[in-house]
Amino acid sequence: MQNSFSSLKNKIIKRHEIKSENNEHNKSTNINILLNRVSVNKRKEFQKKILFTAATSLGAVLLGVLIF
């Protein structure tokens, strides 16, 4: 009985220690990292749009050449 009570007590203590440790580690956000990510995403989207436009134009030209 004593052994099970002490193991239960240890589990409760560990649970509270883990909760207190999690509260101490607050996450912070660096605004420069977020702004850089936005600019990189804009560049990638622009490159995708240019590639899609070029592929569509090339496909239209090749289709036109094959038809005529």
PDB file of N, CA and C in Angstrom:
ATOM      1  N   MET A   1       0.821  -1.191   0.000  1.00  0.00           N
ATOM      2  CA  MET A   1       0.000   0.000   0.000  1.00  0.00           C
ATOM      3  C   MET A   1       0.866   1.256   0.000  1.00  0.00           C
ATOM      4  N   GLN A   2       1.910   1.206   0.830  1.00  0.00           N
ATOM      5  CA  GLN A   2       2.804   2.352   0.933  1.00  0.00           C
ATOM      6  C   GLN A   2       3.531   2.588  -0.392  1.00  0.00           C
ATOM      7  N   ASN A   3       3.919   1.518  -1.051  1.00  0.00           N
ATOM      8  CA  ASN A   3       4.655   1.619  -2.307  1.00  0.00           C
ATOM      9  C   ASN A   3       3.790   2.232  -3.402  1.00  0.00           C
ATOM     10  N   SER A   4       2.548   1.818  -3.497  1.00  0.00           N
ATOM     11  CA  SER A   4       1.665   2.356  -4.525  1.00  0.00           C
ATOM     12  C   SER A   4       1.346   3.820  -4.262  1.00  0.00           C
ATOM     13  N   PHE A   5       1.221   4.194  -2.979  1.00  0.00           N
ATOM     14  CA  PHE A   5       0.967   5.590  -2.634  1.00  0.00           C
ATOM     15  C   PHE A   5       2.143   6.469  -3.017  1.00  0.00           C
ATOM     16  N   SER A   6       3.357   6.003  -2.784  1.00  0.00           N
ATOM     17  CA  SER A   6       4.544   6.802  -3.119  1.00  0.00           C
ATOM     18  C   SER A   6       4.710   6.914  -4.632  1.00  0.00           C
ATOM     19  N   SER A   7       4.390   5.856  -5.367  1.00  0.00           N
ATOM     20  CA  SER A   7       4.497   5.938  -6.826  1.00  0.00           C
ATOM     21  C   SER A   7       3.447   6.899  -7.386  1.00  0.00           C
ATOM     22  N   LEU A   8       2.253   6.891  -6.813  1.00  0.00           N
ATOM     23  CA  LEU A   8       1.215   7.828  -7.228  1.00  0.00           C
ATOM     24  C   LEU A   8       1.635   9.260  -6.923  1.00  0.00           C
ATOM     25  N   LYS A   9       2.210   9.434  -5.746  1.00  0.00           N
ATOM     26  CA  LYS A   9       2.695  10.761  -5.341  1.00  0.00           C
ATOM     27  C   LYS A   9       3.793  11.244  -6.296  1.00  0.00           C
ATOM     28  N   ASN A  10       4.691  10.355  -6.679  1.00  0.00           N
ATOM     29  CA  ASN A  10       5.767  10.716  -7.619  1.00  0.00           C
ATOM     30  C   ASN A  10       5.213  11.097  -8.990  1.00  0.00           C
ATOM     31  N   LYS A  11       4.192  10.383  -9.444  1.00  0.00           N
ATOM     32  CA  LYS A  11       3.579  10.699 -10.734  1.00  0.00           C
ATOM     33  C   LYS A  11       2.939  12.077 -10.711  1.00  0.00           C
ATOM     34  N   ILE A  12       2.265  12.395  -9.629  1.00  0.00           N
ATOM     35  CA  ILE A  12       1.619  13.709  -9.503  1.00  0.00           C
ATOM     36  C   ILE A  12       2.665  14.812  -9.471  1.00  0.00           C
ATOM     37  N   ILE A  13       3.739  14.589  -8.748  1.00  0.00           N
ATOM     38  CA  ILE A  13       4.812  15.591  -8.676  1.00  0.00           C
ATOM     39  C   ILE A  13       5.438  15.797 -10.042  1.00  0.00           C
ATOM     40  N   LYS A  14       5.696  14.715 -10.771  1.00  0.00           N
ATOM     41  CA  LYS A  14       6.288  14.825 -12.110  1.00  0.00           C
ATOM     42  C   LYS A  14       5.358  15.584 -13.048  1.00  0.00           C
ATOM     43  N   ARG A  15       4.071  15.327 -12.978  1.00  0.00           N
ATOM     44  CA  ARG A  15       3.110  16.002 -13.842  1.00  0.00           C
ATOM     45  C   ARG A  15       3.140  17.509 -13.606  1.00  0.00           C
ATOM     46  N   HIS A  16       3.199  17.918 -12.354  1.00  0.00           N
ATOM     47  CA  HIS A  16       3.239  19.341 -12.037  1.00  0.00           C
ATOM     48  C   HIS A  16       4.566  19.972 -12.436  1.00  0.00           C
ATOM     49  N   GLU A  17       5.652  19.210 -12.348  1.00  0.00           N
ATOM     50  CA  GLU A  17       6.949  19.727 -12.773  1.00  0.00           C
ATOM     51  C   GLU A  17       6.962  19.959 -14.268  1.00  0.00           C
ATOM     52  N   ILE A  18       6.376  19.053 -15.030  1.00  0.00           N
ATOM     53  CA  ILE A  18       6.333  19.197 -16.482  1.00  0.00           C
ATOM     54  C   ILE A  18       5.499  20.418 -16.862  1.00  0.00           C
ATOM     55  N   LYS A  19       4.368  20.626 -16.179  1.00  0.00           N
ATOM     56  CA  LYS A  19       3.533  21.789 -16.471  1.00  0.00           C
ATOM     57  C   LYS A  19       4.260  23.083 -16.168  1.00  0.00           C
ATOM     58  N   SER A  20       4.997  23.132 -15.083  1.00  0.00           N
ATOM     59  CA  SER A  20       5.714  24.356 -14.727  1.00  0.00           C
ATOM     60  C   SER A  20       6.857  24.614 -15.698  1.00  0.00           C
ATOM     61  N   GLU A  21       7.521  23.548 -16.184  1.00  0.00           N
ATOM     62  CA  GLU A  21       8.591  23.725 -17.166  1.00  0.00           C
ATOM     63  C   GLU A  21       8.040  24.263 -18.478  1.00  0.00           C
ATOM     64  N   ASN A  22       6.885  23.798 -18.896  1.00  0.00           N
ATOM     65  CA  ASN A  22       6.285  24.274 -20.136  1.00  0.00           C
ATOM     66  C   ASN A  22       5.912  25.745 -20.047  1.00  0.00           C
ATOM     67  N   ASN A  23       5.512  26.210 -18.889  1.00  0.00           N
ATOM     68  CA  ASN A  23       5.145  27.611 -18.714  1.00  0.00           C
ATOM     69  C   ASN A  23       6.363  28.521 -18.765  1.00  0.00           C
ATOM     70  N   GLU A  24       7.518  28.009 -18.400  1.00  0.00           N
ATOM     71  CA  GLU A  24       8.729  28.814 -18.391  1.00  0.00           C
ATOM     72  C   GLU A  24       9.271  29.050 -19.797  1.00  0.00           C
ATOM     73  N   HIS A  25       8.996  28.176 -20.740  1.00  0.00           N
ATOM     74  CA  HIS A  25       9.525  28.281 -22.090  1.00  0.00           C
ATOM     75  C   HIS A  25       8.496  28.943 -23.011  1.00  0.00           C
ATOM     76  N   ASN A  26       8.373  30.247 -22.916  1.00  0.00           N
ATOM     77  CA  ASN A  26       7.451  30.970 -23.782  1.00  0.00           C
ATOM     78  C   ASN A  26       8.067  31.102 -25.160  1.00  0.00           C
ATOM     79  N   LYS A  27       7.270  30.905 -26.160  1.00  0.00           N
ATOM     80  CA  LYS A  27       7.760  31.028 -27.526  1.00  0.00           C
ATOM     81  C   LYS A  27       7.712  32.489 -27.940  1.00  0.00           C
ATOM     82  N   SER A  28       8.749  32.919 -28.624  1.00  0.00           N
ATOM     83  CA  SER A  28       8.760  34.272 -29.150  1.00  0.00           C
ATOM     84  C   SER A  28       8.895  34.188 -30.666  1.00  0.00           C
ATOM     85  N   THR A  29       8.433  35.203 -31.341  1.00  0.00           N
ATOM     86  CA  THR A  29       8.455  35.234 -32.785  1.00  0.00           C
ATOM     87  C   THR A  29       9.314  36.395 -33.247  1.00  0.00           C
ATOM     88  N   ASN A  30      10.220  36.093 -34.148  1.00  0.00           N
ATOM     89  CA  ASN A  30      11.062  37.131 -34.709  1.00  0.00           C
ATOM     90  C   ASN A  30      10.366  37.667 -35.959  1.00  0.00           C
ATOM     91  N   ILE A  31      10.058  38.951 -35.966  1.00  0.00           N
ATOM     92  CA  ILE A  31       9.301  39.542 -37.071  1.00  0.00           C
ATOM     93  C   ILE A  31      10.103  39.536 -38.363  1.00  0.00           C
ATOM     94  N   ASN A  32      11.423  39.611 -38.269  1.00  0.00           N
ATOM     95  CA  ASN A  32      12.255  39.600 -39.476  1.00  0.00           C
ATOM     96  C   ASN A  32      12.165  38.259 -40.200  1.00  0.00           C
ATOM     97  N   ILE A  33      12.108  37.187 -39.451  1.00  0.00           N
ATOM     98  CA  ILE A  33      11.973  35.866 -40.066  1.00  0.00           C
ATOM     99  C   ILE A  33      10.641  35.762 -40.797  1.00  0.00           C
ATOM    100  N   LEU A  34       9.577  36.271 -40.179  1.00  0.00           N
ATOM    101  CA  LEU A  34       8.264  36.218 -40.819  1.00  0.00           C
ATOM    102  C   LEU A  34       8.219  37.073 -42.085  1.00  0.00           C
ATOM    103  N   LEU A  35       8.807  38.260 -42.037  1.00  0.00           N
ATOM    104  CA  LEU A  35       8.817  39.132 -43.212  1.00  0.00           C
ATOM    105  C   LEU A  35       9.643  38.529 -44.337  1.00  0.00           C
ATOM    106  N   ASN A  36      10.757  37.910 -43.998  1.00  0.00           N
ATOM    107  CA  ASN A  36      11.570  37.251 -45.023  1.00  0.00           C
ATOM    108  C   ASN A  36      10.813  36.094 -45.650  1.00  0.00           C
ATOM    109  N   ARG A  37      10.066  35.358 -44.850  1.00  0.00           N
ATOM    110  CA  ARG A  37       9.289  34.247 -45.387  1.00  0.00           C
ATOM    111  C   ARG A  37       8.224  34.747 -46.343  1.00  0.00           C
ATOM    112  N   VAL A  38       7.606  35.876 -46.030  1.00  0.00           N
ATOM    113  CA  VAL A  38       6.586  36.449 -46.907  1.00  0.00           C
ATOM    114  C   VAL A  38       7.201  36.862 -48.237  1.00  0.00           C
ATOM    115  N   SER A  39       8.375  37.505 -48.186  1.00  0.00           N
ATOM    116  CA  SER A  39       9.005  37.951 -49.433  1.00  0.00           C
ATOM    117  C   SER A  39       9.459  36.758 -50.269  1.00  0.00           C
ATOM    118  N   VAL A  40       9.938  35.703 -49.635  1.00  0.00           N
ATOM    119  CA  VAL A  40      10.342  34.501 -50.377  1.00  0.00           C
ATOM    120  C   VAL A  40       9.123  33.854 -51.020  1.00  0.00           C
ATOM    121  N   ASN A  41       8.002  33.810 -50.297  1.00  0.00           N
ATOM    122  CA  ASN A  41       6.778  33.230 -50.855  1.00  0.00           C
ATOM    123  C   ASN A  41       6.260  34.045 -52.029  1.00  0.00           C
ATOM    124  N   LYS A  42       6.389  35.372 -51.964  1.00  0.00           N
ATOM    125  CA  LYS A  42       5.956  36.219 -53.079  1.00  0.00           C
ATOM    126  C   LYS A  42       6.790  35.939 -54.314  1.00  0.00           C
ATOM    127  N   ARG A  43       8.109  35.807 -54.114  1.00  0.00           N
ATOM    128  CA  ARG A  43       8.985  35.517 -55.254  1.00  0.00           C
ATOM    129  C   ARG A  43       8.652  34.171 -55.877  1.00  0.00           C
ATOM    130  N   LYS A  44       8.394  33.159 -55.046  1.00  0.00           N
ATOM    131  CA  LYS A  44       8.052  31.835 -55.567  1.00  0.00           C
ATOM    132  C   LYS A  44       6.743  31.875 -56.346  1.00  0.00           C
ATOM    133  N   GLU A  45       5.754  32.594 -55.832  1.00  0.00           N
ATOM    134  CA  GLU A  45       4.476  32.710 -56.538  1.00  0.00           C
ATOM    135  C   GLU A  45       4.658  33.419 -57.878  1.00  0.00           C
ATOM    136  N   PHE A  46       5.474  34.468 -57.890  1.00  0.00           N
ATOM    137  CA  PHE A  46       5.726  35.194 -59.132  1.00  0.00           C
ATOM    138  C   PHE A  46       6.411  34.283 -60.154  1.00  0.00           C
ATOM    139  N   GLN A  47       7.389  33.498 -59.716  1.00  0.00           N
ATOM    140  CA  GLN A  47       8.068  32.576 -60.619  1.00  0.00           C
ATOM    141  C   GLN A  47       7.108  31.523 -61.155  1.00  0.00           C
ATOM    142  N   LYS A  48       6.204  31.043 -60.311  1.00  0.00           N
ATOM    143  CA  LYS A  48       5.221  30.065 -60.770  1.00  0.00           C
ATOM    144  C   LYS A  48       4.292  30.663 -61.813  1.00  0.00           C
ATOM    145  N   LYS A  49       3.887  31.916 -61.615  1.00  0.00           N
ATOM    146  CA  LYS A  49       3.001  32.577 -62.575  1.00  0.00           C
ATOM    147  C   LYS A  49       3.698  32.771 -63.916  1.00  0.00           C
ATOM    148  N   ILE A  50       4.958  33.186 -63.874  1.00  0.00           N
ATOM    149  CA  ILE A  50       5.721  33.378 -65.113  1.00  0.00           C
ATOM    150  C   ILE A  50       5.890  32.053 -65.838  1.00  0.00           C
ATOM    151  N   LEU A  51       6.235  30.995 -65.112  1.00  0.00           N
ATOM    152  CA  LEU A  51       6.407  29.679 -65.724  1.00  0.00           C
ATOM    153  C   LEU A  51       5.099  29.190 -66.339  1.00  0.00           C
ATOM    154  N   PHE A  52       3.979  29.378 -65.645  1.00  0.00           N
ATOM    155  CA  PHE A  52       2.695  28.950 -66.178  1.00  0.00           C
ATOM    156  C   PHE A  52       2.333  29.733 -67.439  1.00  0.00           C
ATOM    157  N   THR A  53       2.585  31.046 -67.417  1.00  0.00           N
ATOM    158  CA  THR A  53       2.295  31.873 -68.584  1.00  0.00           C
ATOM    159  C   THR A  53       3.155  31.462 -69.769  1.00  0.00           C
ATOM    160  N   ALA A  54       4.439  31.197 -69.521  1.00  0.00           N
ATOM    161  CA  ALA A  54       5.344  30.787 -70.595  1.00  0.00           C
ATOM    162  C   ALA A  54       4.930  29.428 -71.162  1.00  0.00           C
ATOM    163  N   ALA A  55       4.577  28.494 -70.307  1.00  0.00           N
ATOM    164  CA  ALA A  55       4.166  27.169 -70.769  1.00  0.00           C
ATOM    165  C   ALA A  55       2.864  27.242 -71.560  1.00  0.00           C
ATOM    166  N   THR A  56       1.934  28.059 -71.109  1.00  0.00           N
ATOM    167  CA  THR A  56       0.665  28.209 -71.817  1.00  0.00           C
ATOM    168  C   THR A  56       0.881  28.862 -73.178  1.00  0.00           C
ATOM    169  N   SER A  57       1.706  29.886 -73.228  1.00  0.00           N
ATOM    170  CA  SER A  57       1.997  30.563 -74.499  1.00  0.00           C
ATOM    171  C   SER A  57       2.693  29.628 -75.473  1.00  0.00           C
ATOM    172  N   LEU A  58       3.663  28.869 -74.982  1.00  0.00           N
ATOM    173  CA  LEU A  58       4.372  27.910 -75.834  1.00  0.00           C
ATOM    174  C   LEU A  58       3.412  26.855 -76.355  1.00  0.00           C
ATOM    175  N   GLY A  59       2.517  26.379 -75.490  1.00  0.00           N
ATOM    176  CA  GLY A  59       1.534  25.388 -75.931  1.00  0.00           C
ATOM    177  C   GLY A  59       0.607  25.943 -76.986  1.00  0.00           C
ATOM    178  N   ALA A  60       0.177  27.203 -76.843  1.00  0.00           N
ATOM    179  CA  ALA A  60      -0.691  27.820 -77.839  1.00  0.00           C
ATOM    180  C   ALA A  60       0.030  27.997 -79.165  1.00  0.00           C
ATOM    181  N   VAL A  61       1.294  28.397 -79.107  1.00  0.00           N
ATOM    182  CA  VAL A  61       2.079  28.575 -80.346  1.00  0.00           C
ATOM    183  C   VAL A  61       2.287  27.246 -81.029  1.00  0.00           C
ATOM    184  N   LEU A  62       2.650  26.216 -80.304  1.00  0.00           N
ATOM    185  CA  LEU A  62       2.854  24.891 -80.913  1.00  0.00           C
ATOM    186  C   LEU A  62       1.550  24.344 -81.487  1.00  0.00           C
ATOM    187  N   LEU A  63       0.454  24.558 -80.806  1.00  0.00           N
ATOM    188  CA  LEU A  63      -0.835  24.102 -81.324  1.00  0.00           C
ATOM    189  C   LEU A  63      -1.190  24.859 -82.598  1.00  0.00           C
ATOM    190  N   GLY A  64      -0.894  26.164 -82.618  1.00  0.00           N
ATOM    191  CA  GLY A  64      -1.155  26.955 -83.815  1.00  0.00           C
ATOM    192  C   GLY A  64      -0.310  26.522 -84.985  1.00  0.00           C
ATOM    193  N   VAL A  65       0.947  26.167 -84.739  1.00  0.00           N
ATOM    194  CA  VAL A  65       1.831  25.726 -85.805  1.00  0.00           C
ATOM    195  C   VAL A  65       1.378  24.381 -86.339  1.00  0.00           C
ATOM    196  N   LEU A  66       0.938  23.488 -85.486  1.00  0.00           N
ATOM    197  CA  LEU A  66       0.485  22.170 -85.924  1.00  0.00           C
ATOM    198  C   LEU A  66      -0.811  22.245 -86.710  1.00  0.00           C
ATOM    199  N   ILE A  67      -1.688  23.162 -86.359  1.00  0.00           N
ATOM    200  CA  ILE A  67      -2.969  23.267 -87.056  1.00  0.00           C
ATOM    201  C   ILE A  67      -2.778  23.899 -88.436  1.00  0.00           C
ATOM    202  N   PHE A  68      -1.957  24.933 -88.487  1.00  0.00           N
ATOM    203  CA  PHE A  68      -1.788  25.619 -89.792  1.00  0.00           C
ATOM    204  C   PHE A  68      -0.604  25.093 -90.456  1.00  0.00           C
TER     205      PHE A  68
END
